[in-house]
C-alpha atoms as a PDB file:
ATOM      1  CA  MET A   1      -2.922 -54.107  -4.042  1.00  0.00           C
ATOM      2  CA  ASN A   2      -3.426 -53.689  -0.285  1.00  0.00           C
ATOM      3  CA  PHE A   3      -0.087 -51.809  -0.159  1.00  0.00           C
ATOM      4  CA  PHE A   4      -1.302 -49.177  -2.654  1.00  0.00           C
ATOM      5  CA  VAL A   5      -4.622 -48.679  -0.864  1.00  0.00           C
ATOM      6  CA  ARG A   6      -2.965 -48.256   2.528  1.00  0.00           C
ATOM      7  CA  HIS A   7      -0.284 -45.853   1.269  1.00  0.00           C
ATOM      8  CA  GLY A   8      -2.743 -44.088  -1.025  1.00  0.00           C
ATOM      9  CA  ARG A   9      -4.790 -43.059   2.015  1.00  0.00           C
ATOM     10  CA  VAL A  10      -1.667 -41.688   3.686  1.00  0.00           C
ATOM     11  CA  LEU A  11      -0.783 -39.798   0.505  1.00  0.00           C
ATOM     12  CA  VAL A  12      -4.264 -38.265   0.304  1.00  0.00           C
ATOM     13  CA  LEU A  13      -4.114 -37.293   3.986  1.00  0.00           C
ATOM     14  CA  LEU A  14      -0.685 -35.677   3.583  1.00  0.00           C
ATOM     15  CA  SER A  15      -1.878 -33.816   0.472  1.00  0.00           C
ATOM     16  CA  ALA A  16      -4.885 -32.449   2.340  1.00  0.00           C
ATOM     17  CA  LEU A  17      -2.756 -31.309   5.275  1.00  0.00           C
ATOM     18  CA  THR A  18      -0.195 -29.517   3.102  1.00  0.00           C
ATOM     19  CA  ALA A  19      -2.965 -27.782   1.161  1.00  0.00           C
ATOM     20  CA  CYS A  20      -4.147 -26.167   4.409  1.00  0.00           C
ATOM     21  CA  ALA A  21      -0.701 -24.899   5.365  1.00  0.00           C
ATOM     22  CA  PRO A  22      -0.600 -21.098   5.521  1.00  0.00           C
ATOM     23  CA  VAL A  23       1.188 -19.215   2.753  1.00  0.00           C
ATOM     24  CA  ILE A  24       3.192 -16.182   3.879  1.00  0.00           C
ATOM     25  CA  SER A  25       3.631 -13.409   1.311  1.00  0.00           C
ATOM     26  CA  ALA A  26       6.077 -10.536   1.607  1.00  0.00           C
ATOM     27  CA  ARG A  27       5.534  -7.393  -0.444  1.00  0.00           C
ATOM     28  CA  GLY A  28       7.402  -4.153  -0.663  1.00  0.00           C
ATOM     29  CA  GLN A  29      10.869  -3.211   0.400  1.00  0.00           C
ATOM     30  CA  GLN A  30      11.940  -4.032   3.952  1.00  0.00           C
ATOM     31  CA  PRO A  31      15.252  -2.271   4.707  1.00  0.00           C
ATOM     32  CA  ASP A  32      17.942  -4.343   6.388  1.00  0.00           C
ATOM     33  CA  PRO A  33      18.028  -3.354  10.106  1.00  0.00           C
ATOM     34  CA  GLU A  34      21.839  -3.233  10.125  1.00  0.00           C
ATOM     35  CA  ALA A  35      21.934  -1.006   7.034  1.00  0.00           C
ATOM     36  CA  LEU A  36      19.273   1.222   8.578  1.00  0.00           C
ATOM     37  CA  ALA A  37      21.273   1.510  11.800  1.00  0.00           C
ATOM     38  CA  SER A  38      24.372   2.516   9.834  1.00  0.00           C
ATOM     39  CA  ILE A  39      22.680   5.693   8.558  1.00  0.00           C
ATOM     40  CA  GLU A  40      23.562   8.575  10.867  1.00  0.00           C
ATOM     41  CA  PRO A  41      21.362  11.686  10.851  1.00  0.00           C
ATOM     42  CA  GLY A  42      23.290  14.837  10.039  1.00  0.00           C
ATOM     43  CA  ILE A  43      26.098  12.898   8.337  1.00  0.00           C
ATOM     44  CA  ALA A  44      24.576  10.569   5.708  1.00  0.00           C
ATOM     45  CA  SER A  45      23.532  12.023   2.347  1.00  0.00           C
ATOM     46  CA  ARG A  46      20.902  10.894  -0.165  1.00  0.00           C
ATOM     47  CA  ARG A  47      23.527   8.881  -2.017  1.00  0.00           C
ATOM     48  CA  ASP A  48      24.568   7.139   1.227  1.00  0.00           C
ATOM     49  CA  VAL A  49      20.949   6.202   1.939  1.00  0.00           C
ATOM     50  CA  GLU A  50      20.448   4.938  -1.602  1.00  0.00           C
ATOM     51  CA  ASN A  51      23.627   2.843  -1.391  1.00  0.00           C
ATOM     52  CA  ALA A  52      22.616   1.375   1.986  1.00  0.00           C
ATOM     53  CA  LEU A  53      18.869   0.838   1.484  1.00  0.00           C
ATOM     54  CA  GLY A  54      18.325   1.031  -2.274  1.00  0.00           C
ATOM     55  CA  THR A  55      15.896   3.285  -4.074  1.00  0.00           C
ATOM     56  CA  PRO A  56      12.784   4.166  -2.052  1.00  0.00           C
ATOM     57  CA  SER A  57       9.336   2.668  -2.589  1.00  0.00           C
ATOM     58  CA  THR A  58       8.028   6.212  -3.042  1.00  0.00           C
ATOM     59  CA  GLN A  59       8.934   9.803  -2.340  1.00  0.00           C
ATOM     60  CA  GLY A  60       6.908  12.356  -0.427  1.00  0.00           C
ATOM     61  CA  VAL A  61       4.182  14.223  -2.296  1.00  0.00           C
ATOM     62  CA  PHE A  62       3.501  16.987   0.212  1.00  0.00           C
ATOM     63  CA  ARG A  63       7.013  16.911   1.665  1.00  0.00           C
ATOM     64  CA  GLU A  64       9.482  16.439  -1.168  1.00  0.00           C
ATOM     65  CA  ASN A  65      12.427  15.691   1.110  1.00  0.00           C
ATOM     66  CA  VAL A  66      11.065  12.381   2.431  1.00  0.00           C
ATOM     67  CA  TRP A  67      11.788   8.892   1.123  1.00  0.00           C
ATOM     68  CA  TYR A  68       9.483   6.035   2.118  1.00  0.00           C
ATOM     69  CA  TYR A  69      10.398   2.342   2.262  1.00  0.00           C
ATOM     70  CA  MET A  70       7.166   0.325   2.626  1.00  0.00           C
ATOM     71  CA  SER A  71       6.663  -3.378   3.279  1.00  0.00           C
ATOM     72  CA  GLU A  72       4.057  -5.807   4.539  1.00  0.00           C
ATOM     73  CA  ARG A  73       3.765  -9.506   5.299  1.00  0.00           C
ATOM     74  CA  THR A  74       0.478 -11.386   5.057  1.00  0.00           C
ATOM     75  CA  GLU A  75      -0.568 -14.936   5.845  1.00  0.00           C
ATOM     76  CA  ARG A  76      -3.232 -16.782   3.868  1.00  0.00           C
ATOM     77  CA  SER A  77      -4.749 -20.141   4.766  1.00  0.00           C
ATOM     78  CA  ALA A  78      -6.525 -22.090   2.022  1.00  0.00           C
ATOM     79  CA  PHE A  79      -9.224 -19.895   0.461  1.00  0.00           C
ATOM     80  CA  PHE A  80      -9.589 -17.416   3.345  1.00  0.00           C
ATOM     81  CA  ARG A  81      -8.717 -13.741   3.114  1.00  0.00           C
ATOM     82  CA  PRO A  82      -5.091 -12.874   3.824  1.00  0.00           C
ATOM     83  CA  GLU A  83      -4.374 -11.713   7.372  1.00  0.00           C
ATOM     84  CA  LEU A  84      -1.885  -8.941   7.993  1.00  0.00           C
ATOM     85  CA  ILE A  85       1.126 -10.086  10.019  1.00  0.00           C
ATOM     86  CA  GLU A  86       3.257  -6.955   9.810  1.00  0.00           C
ATOM     87  CA  ARG A  87       3.152  -3.633   7.979  1.00  0.00           C
ATOM     88  CA  LYS A  88       6.043  -1.232   8.244  1.00  0.00           C
ATOM     89  CA  VAL A  89       6.883   2.140   6.691  1.00  0.00           C
ATOM     90  CA  VAL A  90      10.346   3.621   7.162  1.00  0.00           C
ATOM     91  CA  ALA A  91      10.495   7.354   6.390  1.00  0.00           C
ATOM     92  CA  VAL A  92      13.884   8.958   5.817  1.00  0.00           C
ATOM     93  CA  VAL A  93      13.618  12.742   6.138  1.00  0.00           C
ATOM     94  CA  PHE A  94      16.247  14.943   4.472  1.00  0.00           C
ATOM     95  CA  ASP A  95      17.091  18.550   5.250  1.00  0.00           C
ATOM     96  CA  PRO A  96      17.343  21.164   2.441  1.00  0.00           C
ATOM     97  CA  ALA A  97      21.095  20.415   2.080  1.00  0.00           C
ATOM     98  CA  GLY A  98      20.331  16.746   1.282  1.00  0.00           C
ATOM     99  CA  LEU A  99      21.578  15.264   4.568  1.00  0.00           C
ATOM    100  CA  VAL A 100      19.489  12.860   6.648  1.00  0.00           C
ATOM    101  CA  GLU A 101      17.543  14.807   9.246  1.00  0.00           C
ATOM    102  CA  ASP A 102      15.549  11.968  10.815  1.00  0.00           C
ATOM    103  CA  ILE A 103      14.527   8.335  10.341  1.00  0.00           C
ATOM    104  CA  VAL A 104      11.014   7.411  11.469  1.00  0.00           C
ATOM    105  CA  THR A 105       9.475   3.923  11.476  1.00  0.00           C
ATOM    106  CA  TYR A 106       5.694   3.585  11.329  1.00  0.00           C
ATOM    107  CA  THR A 107       3.848   0.339  12.059  1.00  0.00           C
ATOM    108  CA  GLU A 108       0.226  -0.758  11.878  1.00  0.00           C
ATOM    109  CA  ASN A 109      -0.336   0.719  15.367  1.00  0.00           C
ATOM    110  CA  ASP A 110       0.516   4.219  14.091  1.00  0.00           C
ATOM    111  CA  LYS A 111      -2.203   4.344  11.450  1.00  0.00           C
ATOM    112  CA  GLN A 112      -5.009   6.890  11.622  1.00  0.00           C
ATOM    113  CA  GLU A 113      -8.472   6.471  10.207  1.00  0.00           C
ATOM    114  CA  VAL A 114      -9.500   9.234   7.814  1.00  0.00           C
ATOM    115  CA  GLU A 115     -13.150  10.189   7.820  1.00  0.00           C
ATOM    116  CA  LEU A 116     -14.429  11.056   4.374  1.00  0.00           C
ATOM    117  CA  VAL A 117     -16.568  14.148   3.975  1.00  0.00           C
ATOM    118  CA  ALA A 118     -19.915  13.537   2.279  1.00  0.00           C
ATOM    119  CA  ARG A 119     -20.647  17.160   1.418  1.00  0.00           C
ATOM    120  CA  VAL A 120     -21.357  18.212  -2.160  1.00  0.00           C
ATOM    121  CA  THR A 121     -19.875  21.354  -3.634  1.00  0.00           C
ATOM    122  CA  PRO A 122     -22.683  23.601  -4.906  1.00  0.00           C
ATOM    123  CA  THR A 123     -22.458  24.684  -8.529  1.00  0.00           C
ATOM    124  CA  ALA A 124     -23.839  27.754 -10.204  1.00  0.00           C
ATOM    125  CA  GLY A 125     -26.734  27.280 -12.593  1.00  0.00           C
ATOM    126  CA  ASN A 126     -30.272  25.971 -12.647  1.00  0.00           C
ATOM    127  CA  GLU A 127     -31.607  22.657 -11.465  1.00  0.00           C
ATOM    128  CA  LEU A 128     -33.408  21.259 -14.499  1.00  0.00           C
ATOM    129  CA  SER A 129     -35.806  18.340 -14.618  1.00  0.00           C
ATOM    130  CA  ILE A 130     -35.375  15.578 -17.175  1.00  0.00           C
ATOM    131  CA  ILE A 131     -38.203  16.995 -19.325  1.00  0.00           C
ATOM    132  CA  GLN A 132     -36.587  20.465 -19.284  1.00  0.00           C
ATOM    133  CA  GLN A 133     -33.263  18.964 -20.258  1.00  0.00           C
ATOM    134  CA  LEU A 134     -34.771  16.952 -23.141  1.00  0.00           C
ATOM    135  CA  PHE A 135     -36.992  19.669 -24.608  1.00  0.00           C
ATOM    136  CA  GLY A 136     -35.267  22.831 -23.387  1.00  0.00           C
ATOM    137  CA  ASN A 137     -33.697  23.681 -26.745  1.00  0.00           C
ATOM    138  CA  VAL A 138     -36.719  22.930 -28.941  1.00  0.00           C
ATOM    139  CA  GLY A 139     -37.420  26.019 -31.051  1.00  0.00           C
ATOM    140  CA  ARG A 140     -34.543  27.909 -29.509  1.00  0.00           C
ATOM    141  CA  PHE A 141     -32.331  27.893 -32.593  1.00  0.00           C
ATOM    142  CA  ALA A 142     -34.781  29.000 -35.263  1.00  0.00           C
ATOM    143  CA  LYS A 143     -33.417  30.425 -38.535  1.00  0.00           C
ATOM    144  CA  PRO A 144     -34.032  34.183 -39.049  1.00  0.00           C
END
């Protein structure tokens, strides 16, 4: 009986320690550095990029000739919020002929904060009170 009590305490202690171990999560598509280095601007085509890196995470909306490969790694301990370890975006820019023009890597340090505008677009019409809205059509549609 003493054996089970002594080892039971050790088991509980080990369980508690492993429960607090951080969990690392990887999301997205991190291109292989060697495959990325093998892509030569001016020579590689879209098909070459797709064969080397796979299909992109997304394509450009405002610039149609850009493929983005996005990834991030986070670390979470117990019930705390996940902390960002690394975020990376690799942009492959193509020229109009479909050849690689440039490869740009963005990290968390390259981000820019966007300030939202709080203005309201004015609309034509009248500002009506609640009473005017509720009773505005009373008697308006009378039969002739």
